[in-house]
C-alpha atoms as a PDB file:
ATOM      1  CA  MET A   1      12.657   0.829 -23.255  1.00  0.00           C
ATOM      2  CA  GLY A   2      10.584   3.940 -23.711  1.00  0.00           C
ATOM      3  CA  PRO A   3       6.896   4.342 -22.972  1.00  0.00           C
ATOM      4  CA  SER A   4       5.960   3.901 -26.633  1.00  0.00           C
ATOM      5  CA  MET A   5       7.601   0.465 -26.671  1.00  0.00           C
ATOM      6  CA  LEU A   6       5.421  -0.664 -23.793  1.00  0.00           C
ATOM      7  CA  GLY A   7       2.226   0.465 -25.483  1.00  0.00           C
ATOM      8  CA  VAL A   8       1.804   3.403 -23.087  1.00  0.00           C
ATOM      9  CA  VAL A   9       1.447   6.797 -24.706  1.00  0.00           C
ATOM     10  CA  PRO A  10       1.983   9.900 -22.538  1.00  0.00           C
ATOM     11  CA  VAL A  11      -0.688  12.508 -23.203  1.00  0.00           C
ATOM     12  CA  ASP A  12      -0.917  16.118 -22.063  1.00  0.00           C
ATOM     13  CA  ASP A  13      -4.582  16.220 -21.033  1.00  0.00           C
ATOM     14  CA  GLU A  14      -5.069  19.706 -19.563  1.00  0.00           C
ATOM     15  CA  ASP A  15      -8.244  20.377 -21.582  1.00  0.00           C
ATOM     16  CA  ASP A  16      -9.256  16.756 -22.083  1.00  0.00           C
ATOM     17  CA  THR A  17     -12.834  15.860 -21.116  1.00  0.00           C
ATOM     18  CA  ASN A  18     -13.225  13.065 -23.624  1.00  0.00           C
ATOM     19  CA  ILE A  19     -14.796   9.862 -22.306  1.00  0.00           C
ATOM     20  CA  ILE A  20     -12.670   7.775 -24.655  1.00  0.00           C
ATOM     21  CA  MET A  21      -9.457   9.198 -23.174  1.00  0.00           C
ATOM     22  CA  ASP A  22     -10.826   8.601 -19.666  1.00  0.00           C
ATOM     23  CA  SER A  23     -11.573   5.003 -20.591  1.00  0.00           C
ATOM     24  CA  LEU A  24      -8.106   4.498 -22.069  1.00  0.00           C
ATOM     25  CA  ARG A  25      -6.599   6.046 -18.953  1.00  0.00           C
ATOM     26  CA  ALA A  26      -8.619   3.711 -16.710  1.00  0.00           C
ATOM     27  CA  VAL A  27      -7.440   0.690 -18.705  1.00  0.00           C
ATOM     28  CA  GLY A  28      -3.838   1.916 -18.484  1.00  0.00           C
ATOM     29  CA  LEU A  29      -3.130   2.621 -22.128  1.00  0.00           C
ATOM     30  CA  VAL A  30      -2.785   6.386 -21.637  1.00  0.00           C
ATOM     31  CA  ARG A  31      -0.881   8.010 -18.792  1.00  0.00           C
ATOM     32  CA  ARG A  32      -1.620  11.289 -17.060  1.00  0.00           C
ATOM     33  CA  ARG A  33       1.109  13.882 -16.918  1.00  0.00           C
ATOM     34  CA  VAL A  34       2.886  13.707 -13.557  1.00  0.00           C
ATOM     35  CA  ASP A  35       3.960  16.958 -11.912  1.00  0.00           C
ATOM     36  CA  ARG A  36       7.620  17.365 -11.036  1.00  0.00           C
ATOM     37  CA  PRO A  37       8.428  16.656  -7.379  1.00  0.00           C
ATOM     38  CA  ILE A  38       9.297  19.516  -5.050  1.00  0.00           C
ATOM     39  CA  VAL A  39      12.901  19.309  -3.887  1.00  0.00           C
ATOM     40  CA  GLY A  40      15.159  21.399  -1.711  1.00  0.00           C
ATOM     41  CA  ARG A  41      14.112  23.692   1.124  1.00  0.00           C
ATOM     42  CA  LYS A  42      10.472  23.815  -0.013  1.00  0.00           C
ATOM     43  CA  ALA A  43      10.089  20.034   0.280  1.00  0.00           C
ATOM     44  CA  TYR A  44       8.263  19.009   3.445  1.00  0.00           C
ATOM     45  CA  VAL A  45       5.888  16.348   4.697  1.00  0.00           C
ATOM     46  CA  ARG A  46       2.307  17.535   5.159  1.00  0.00           C
ATOM     47  CA  TRP A  47       0.815  17.262   8.658  1.00  0.00           C
ATOM     48  CA  TRP A  48      -1.943  14.891   7.559  1.00  0.00           C
ATOM     49  CA  GLU A  49       0.615  12.566   5.955  1.00  0.00           C
ATOM     50  CA  ARG A  50       2.427  12.352   9.288  1.00  0.00           C
ATOM     51  CA  ILE A  51      -0.811  11.551  11.130  1.00  0.00           C
ATOM     52  CA  ARG A  52      -1.715   8.951   8.511  1.00  0.00           C
ATOM     53  CA  ALA A  53       1.718   7.360   8.879  1.00  0.00           C
ATOM     54  CA  ILE A  54       1.356   7.219  12.681  1.00  0.00           C
ATOM     55  CA  ILE A  55      -2.085   5.613  12.397  1.00  0.00           C
ATOM     56  CA  VAL A  56      -0.899   3.039   9.843  1.00  0.00           C
ATOM     57  CA  LEU A  57       2.199   2.232  11.916  1.00  0.00           C
ATOM     58  CA  ALA A  58       0.091   1.791  15.060  1.00  0.00           C
ATOM     59  CA  ALA A  59      -2.350  -0.448  13.179  1.00  0.00           C
ATOM     60  CA  LEU A  60       0.519  -2.592  11.871  1.00  0.00           C
ATOM     61  CA  VAL A  61       2.085  -2.935  15.321  1.00  0.00           C
ATOM     62  CA  VAL A  62      -1.251  -3.844  16.933  1.00  0.00           C
ATOM     63  CA  GLY A  63      -2.160  -6.263  14.133  1.00  0.00           C
ATOM     64  CA  LEU A  64       1.190  -8.030  14.220  1.00  0.00           C
ATOM     65  CA  GLY A  65       1.039  -8.160  18.026  1.00  0.00           C
ATOM     66  CA  ILE A  66      -2.373  -9.802  17.935  1.00  0.00           C
ATOM     67  CA  ALA A  67      -1.190 -12.295  15.311  1.00  0.00           C
ATOM     68  CA  LEU A  68       1.904 -13.159  17.336  1.00  0.00           C
ATOM     69  CA  ALA A  69      -0.161 -13.560  20.522  1.00  0.00           C
ATOM     70  CA  ALA A  70      -2.572 -15.875  18.694  1.00  0.00           C
ATOM     71  CA  VAL A  71       0.261 -18.058  17.380  1.00  0.00           C
ATOM     72  CA  VAL A  72       1.907 -18.276  20.806  1.00  0.00           C
ATOM     73  CA  GLY A  73      -1.431 -19.002  22.497  1.00  0.00           C
ATOM     74  CA  ILE A  74      -2.369 -21.755  20.078  1.00  0.00           C
ATOM     75  CA  THR A  75       1.107 -23.272  20.430  1.00  0.00           C
ATOM     76  CA  VAL A  76       0.943 -23.247  24.246  1.00  0.00           C
ATOM     77  CA  LEU A  77      -2.563 -24.730  24.270  1.00  0.00           C
ATOM     78  CA  GLY A  78      -1.580 -27.402  21.752  1.00  0.00           C
ATOM     79  CA  LEU A  79       1.556 -28.361  23.644  1.00  0.00           C
ATOM     80  CA  GLY A  80      -0.386 -28.456  26.917  1.00  0.00           C
ATOM     81  CA  PHE A  81      -2.962 -30.758  25.346  1.00  0.00           C
ATOM     82  CA  LEU A  82      -0.233 -33.038  23.997  1.00  0.00           C
ATOM     83  CA  LEU A  83       1.493 -33.093  27.396  1.00  0.00           C
ATOM     84  CA  GLU A  84      -1.773 -34.109  29.116  1.00  0.00           C
ATOM     85  CA  ARG A  85      -2.256 -36.866  26.555  1.00  0.00           C
ATOM     86  CA  ALA A  86       1.299 -38.111  27.088  1.00  0.00           C
ATOM     87  CA  ILE A  87       0.977 -38.166  30.889  1.00  0.00           C
ATOM     88  CA  SER A  88      -2.353 -39.985  31.040  1.00  0.00           C
END
């Protein structure tokens, strides 16, 4: 299935400043040309991408830790309440 079958037309838009093409691109009917990836010895991760990854990983770990602590806390409190009700 090529891009033309999906209704997406690749366009080389180096000198394109047309508002109609920008609108079609925003809707998703026209694609921008994607540069080829860098491979081999010249391929490396930029320093700011590493820092961003560390920040996102730390945020995920902290967020999941808080969520897990909340679930455990609510479970312990609920079971304690049910135990008090069963005893009395």
